[in-house]
Each structure stands twice: as structure tokens, then as C-alpha cells.
């Protein structure tokens, strides 16, 4: 079993595309956190039969960081985040 967050850690763009304009985000990482690129050795070996999963894992940090770049400038006045 795998976590859906592999494909889209913070599915805010999907929610907006569905017409939602009031979205609550609770961020559990420190303010300014960005995902680093991960080493893919284990994933390439263990999931070699699943190239789409390998691609999702390898692009996960870039997608997360892009989403954070979208979210951070438009955050409302009340922000719940770990500091």
C-alpha cells in the first residue's frame, strides 16, 4: 500500500480546479521548508516494474516545492504552521 501524497503532497491545485475557493491547509513542516531531491537507488530497484511510480517519486520534491511557492505568497492572515 502506498500513500497518495507521493503523487500530490498538497493537492491545492486540484482543489482549485474543482472550483473550491476556501481551502484550509495545516502545514506540519517549519516555515520555509523545501523538500530536497532524494536518492532513487532503492526506489529504482524495488519498484522497477512501476516506471510511473519511479517518476512520481523522482519528481516529488520539485512538485512539492512548486506548490509551496504557489501557497506561501497567497497565505491568509491566519496561518497555522510549526515554528
N, C-alpha and C. Protein backbone atom coordinates (compact mmCIF):
# COMPACT_ATOMS: atom_id res chain seq x y z
N UNK A 1 0.84 -1.17 0.00
CA UNK A 1 0.00 0.00 0.00
C UNK A 1 0.89 1.24 0.00
N UNK A 2 0.50 2.23 -0.79
CA UNK A 2 1.28 3.46 -0.90
C UNK A 2 0.44 4.67 -0.54
N UNK A 3 1.09 5.73 -0.14
CA UNK A 3 0.44 6.97 0.24
C UNK A 3 0.13 7.81 -1.00
N UNK A 4 -1.06 8.38 -1.06
CA UNK A 4 -1.44 9.24 -2.18
C UNK A 4 -0.60 10.50 -2.25
N UNK A 5 0.05 10.86 -1.16
CA UNK A 5 0.92 12.03 -1.14
C UNK A 5 2.12 11.90 -2.05
N UNK A 6 2.41 10.70 -2.49
CA UNK A 6 3.51 10.51 -3.44
C UNK A 6 3.19 11.24 -4.74
N UNK A 7 1.97 11.13 -5.18
CA UNK A 7 1.56 11.75 -6.44
C UNK A 7 1.35 13.26 -6.29
N UNK A 8 0.78 13.68 -5.18
CA UNK A 8 0.49 15.10 -4.96
C UNK A 8 0.44 15.37 -3.46
N UNK A 9 1.54 15.83 -2.90
CA UNK A 9 1.65 16.03 -1.45
C UNK A 9 0.62 17.01 -0.91
N UNK A 10 0.39 18.08 -1.64
CA UNK A 10 -0.56 19.11 -1.22
C UNK A 10 -1.46 19.39 -2.43
N UNK A 11 -2.59 18.71 -2.54
CA UNK A 11 -3.41 18.81 -3.76
C UNK A 11 -4.25 20.09 -3.86
N UNK A 12 -3.63 21.23 -3.60
CA UNK A 12 -4.37 22.50 -3.64
C UNK A 12 -4.74 22.89 -5.06
N UNK A 13 -3.87 22.65 -6.03
CA UNK A 13 -4.20 23.00 -7.41
C UNK A 13 -5.39 22.18 -7.90
N UNK A 14 -5.44 20.92 -7.51
CA UNK A 14 -6.59 20.08 -7.89
C UNK A 14 -7.86 20.62 -7.25
N UNK A 15 -7.79 20.98 -5.98
CA UNK A 15 -8.97 21.52 -5.29
C UNK A 15 -9.46 22.79 -5.98
N UNK A 16 -8.53 23.67 -6.35
CA UNK A 16 -8.91 24.91 -7.03
C UNK A 16 -9.52 24.61 -8.40
N UNK A 17 -8.98 23.61 -9.09
CA UNK A 17 -9.52 23.26 -10.41
C UNK A 17 -10.93 22.69 -10.31
N UNK A 18 -11.29 22.19 -9.13
CA UNK A 18 -12.63 21.66 -8.89
C UNK A 18 -13.60 22.76 -8.43
N UNK A 19 -13.11 23.99 -8.35
CA UNK A 19 -13.97 25.11 -8.01
C UNK A 19 -13.94 25.53 -6.55
N UNK A 20 -13.14 24.88 -5.74
CA UNK A 20 -13.06 25.26 -4.32
C UNK A 20 -12.26 26.55 -4.19
N UNK A 21 -12.78 27.49 -3.43
CA UNK A 21 -12.06 28.74 -3.22
C UNK A 21 -11.77 29.01 -1.74
N UNK A 22 -12.27 28.15 -0.87
CA UNK A 22 -11.96 28.24 0.55
C UNK A 22 -11.32 26.92 0.96
N UNK A 23 -10.01 26.97 1.14
CA UNK A 23 -9.23 25.76 1.40
C UNK A 23 -8.45 25.94 2.70
N UNK A 24 -8.53 24.97 3.55
CA UNK A 24 -7.79 25.01 4.82
C UNK A 24 -6.55 24.13 4.68
N UNK A 25 -5.40 24.70 4.94
CA UNK A 25 -4.13 23.96 4.92
C UNK A 25 -3.53 23.99 6.32
N UNK A 26 -3.13 22.86 6.79
CA UNK A 26 -2.38 22.79 8.04
C UNK A 26 -1.02 22.24 7.68
N UNK A 27 -0.03 23.10 7.72
CA UNK A 27 1.32 22.72 7.34
C UNK A 27 2.04 22.15 8.56
N UNK A 28 2.66 21.01 8.40
CA UNK A 28 3.33 20.35 9.53
C UNK A 28 4.85 20.49 9.48
N UNK A 29 5.33 21.22 8.51
CA UNK A 29 6.77 21.48 8.42
C UNK A 29 7.06 22.91 8.84
N UNK A 30 8.30 23.17 9.20
CA UNK A 30 8.70 24.51 9.58
C UNK A 30 8.49 25.48 8.42
N UNK A 31 8.22 26.72 8.77
CA UNK A 31 8.03 27.77 7.77
C UNK A 31 9.28 27.83 6.87
N UNK A 32 9.07 27.88 5.57
CA UNK A 32 10.18 27.95 4.64
C UNK A 32 10.75 26.60 4.23
N UNK A 33 10.20 25.51 4.75
CA UNK A 33 10.70 24.18 4.43
C UNK A 33 10.54 23.89 2.94
N UNK A 34 11.57 23.29 2.36
CA UNK A 34 11.54 22.83 0.98
C UNK A 34 12.09 21.41 0.95
N UNK A 35 11.48 20.56 0.15
CA UNK A 35 11.95 19.18 0.02
C UNK A 35 13.22 19.15 -0.81
N UNK A 36 14.15 18.33 -0.39
CA UNK A 36 15.39 18.13 -1.14
C UNK A 36 15.22 16.95 -2.08
N UNK A 37 16.02 16.92 -3.11
CA UNK A 37 15.99 15.80 -4.05
C UNK A 37 16.42 14.54 -3.31
N UNK A 38 15.69 13.46 -3.54
CA UNK A 38 16.02 12.21 -2.85
C UNK A 38 16.80 11.28 -3.78
N UNK A 39 17.56 10.41 -3.17
CA UNK A 39 18.30 9.41 -3.93
C UNK A 39 17.31 8.33 -4.36
N UNK A 40 17.41 7.88 -5.58
CA UNK A 40 16.41 6.98 -6.13
C UNK A 40 16.90 5.53 -6.23
N UNK A 41 18.02 5.20 -5.65
CA UNK A 41 18.56 3.84 -5.76
C UNK A 41 17.60 2.77 -5.31
N UNK A 42 17.06 2.91 -4.12
CA UNK A 42 16.13 1.92 -3.57
C UNK A 42 14.87 1.84 -4.41
N UNK A 43 14.30 2.99 -4.74
CA UNK A 43 13.04 3.02 -5.50
C UNK A 43 13.22 2.40 -6.88
N UNK A 44 14.34 2.68 -7.54
CA UNK A 44 14.58 2.11 -8.86
C UNK A 44 14.69 0.59 -8.80
N UNK A 45 15.32 0.10 -7.75
CA UNK A 45 15.49 -1.35 -7.62
C UNK A 45 14.19 -2.02 -7.18
N UNK A 46 13.54 -1.46 -6.16
CA UNK A 46 12.37 -2.08 -5.57
C UNK A 46 11.12 -1.95 -6.44
N UNK A 47 10.99 -0.81 -7.14
CA UNK A 47 9.80 -0.55 -7.95
C UNK A 47 10.12 -0.54 -9.45
N UNK A 48 11.04 -1.36 -9.87
CA UNK A 48 11.45 -1.35 -11.28
C UNK A 48 10.30 -1.70 -12.22
N UNK A 49 9.29 -2.39 -11.75
CA UNK A 49 8.15 -2.75 -12.58
C UNK A 49 7.13 -1.61 -12.69
N UNK A 50 7.38 -0.53 -11.97
CA UNK A 50 6.42 0.58 -11.92
C UNK A 50 7.09 1.90 -12.30
N UNK A 51 7.33 2.11 -13.58
CA UNK A 51 8.05 3.33 -14.00
C UNK A 51 7.30 4.62 -13.66
N UNK A 52 5.97 4.58 -13.64
CA UNK A 52 5.22 5.80 -13.28
C UNK A 52 5.42 6.15 -11.81
N UNK A 53 5.51 5.14 -10.96
CA UNK A 53 5.78 5.38 -9.55
C UNK A 53 7.20 5.93 -9.38
N UNK A 54 8.14 5.38 -10.10
CA UNK A 54 9.51 5.89 -10.03
C UNK A 54 9.55 7.36 -10.44
N UNK A 55 8.82 7.70 -11.50
CA UNK A 55 8.78 9.09 -11.96
C UNK A 55 8.15 9.99 -10.89
N UNK A 56 7.05 9.54 -10.31
CA UNK A 56 6.39 10.33 -9.26
C UNK A 56 7.31 10.56 -8.07
N UNK A 57 8.05 9.53 -7.68
CA UNK A 57 8.98 9.66 -6.56
C UNK A 57 10.12 10.62 -6.90
N UNK A 58 10.62 10.54 -8.13
CA UNK A 58 11.75 11.39 -8.51
C UNK A 58 11.34 12.86 -8.68
N UNK A 59 10.07 13.10 -8.99
CA UNK A 59 9.59 14.48 -9.20
C UNK A 59 8.92 15.06 -7.96
N UNK A 60 8.82 14.26 -6.91
CA UNK A 60 8.06 14.65 -5.72
C UNK A 60 8.57 15.94 -5.09
N UNK A 61 9.87 16.09 -4.95
CA UNK A 61 10.41 17.29 -4.31
C UNK A 61 10.12 18.54 -5.14
N UNK A 62 10.28 18.46 -6.44
CA UNK A 62 10.05 19.62 -7.30
C UNK A 62 8.57 20.02 -7.28
N UNK A 63 7.69 19.03 -7.31
CA UNK A 63 6.26 19.31 -7.28
C UNK A 63 5.85 19.93 -5.94
N UNK A 64 6.37 19.39 -4.84
CA UNK A 64 6.08 19.93 -3.51
C UNK A 64 6.56 21.38 -3.41
N UNK A 65 7.78 21.63 -3.85
CA UNK A 65 8.35 22.98 -3.75
C UNK A 65 7.58 23.97 -4.63
N UNK A 66 7.14 23.52 -5.81
CA UNK A 66 6.34 24.38 -6.68
C UNK A 66 5.02 24.73 -6.01
N UNK A 67 4.40 23.77 -5.36
CA UNK A 67 3.15 24.01 -4.65
C UNK A 67 3.37 24.99 -3.50
N UNK A 68 4.45 24.83 -2.76
CA UNK A 68 4.74 25.76 -1.67
C UNK A 68 4.97 27.17 -2.20
N UNK A 69 5.59 27.30 -3.36
CA UNK A 69 5.78 28.62 -3.98
C UNK A 69 4.44 29.24 -4.34
N UNK A 70 3.47 28.43 -4.70
CA UNK A 70 2.12 28.90 -5.01
C UNK A 70 1.39 29.33 -3.73
N UNK A 71 1.54 28.54 -2.68
CA UNK A 71 0.80 28.75 -1.44
C UNK A 71 1.33 29.94 -0.64
N UNK A 72 2.61 30.01 -0.42
CA UNK A 72 3.20 30.96 0.52
C UNK A 72 2.84 32.41 0.23
N UNK A 73 2.94 32.91 -1.01
CA UNK A 73 2.59 34.33 -1.23
C UNK A 73 1.10 34.62 -1.01
N UNK A 74 0.25 33.62 -1.14
CA UNK A 74 -1.19 33.87 -1.04
C UNK A 74 -1.79 33.41 0.28
N UNK A 75 -0.94 33.12 1.26
CA UNK A 75 -1.46 32.68 2.56
C UNK A 75 -2.29 33.78 3.20
N UNK A 76 -3.39 33.40 3.85
CA UNK A 76 -4.23 34.40 4.53
C UNK A 76 -3.55 34.91 5.79
N UNK A 77 -4.20 35.82 6.45
CA UNK A 77 -3.64 36.43 7.66
C UNK A 77 -3.43 35.42 8.78
N UNK A 78 -4.29 34.42 8.85
CA UNK A 78 -4.17 33.41 9.91
C UNK A 78 -3.49 32.18 9.32
N UNK A 79 -2.33 31.88 9.82
CA UNK A 79 -1.56 30.75 9.32
C UNK A 79 -1.21 29.82 10.47
N UNK A 80 -1.53 28.55 10.31
CA UNK A 80 -1.14 27.55 11.30
C UNK A 80 0.05 26.80 10.74
N UNK A 81 1.19 26.98 11.35
CA UNK A 81 2.40 26.30 10.90
C UNK A 81 3.29 26.05 12.11
N UNK A 82 4.10 25.03 12.02
CA UNK A 82 5.04 24.71 13.09
C UNK A 82 6.26 25.62 12.95
N UNK A 83 6.68 26.20 14.04
CA UNK A 83 7.91 27.02 14.02
C UNK A 83 8.95 26.45 14.94
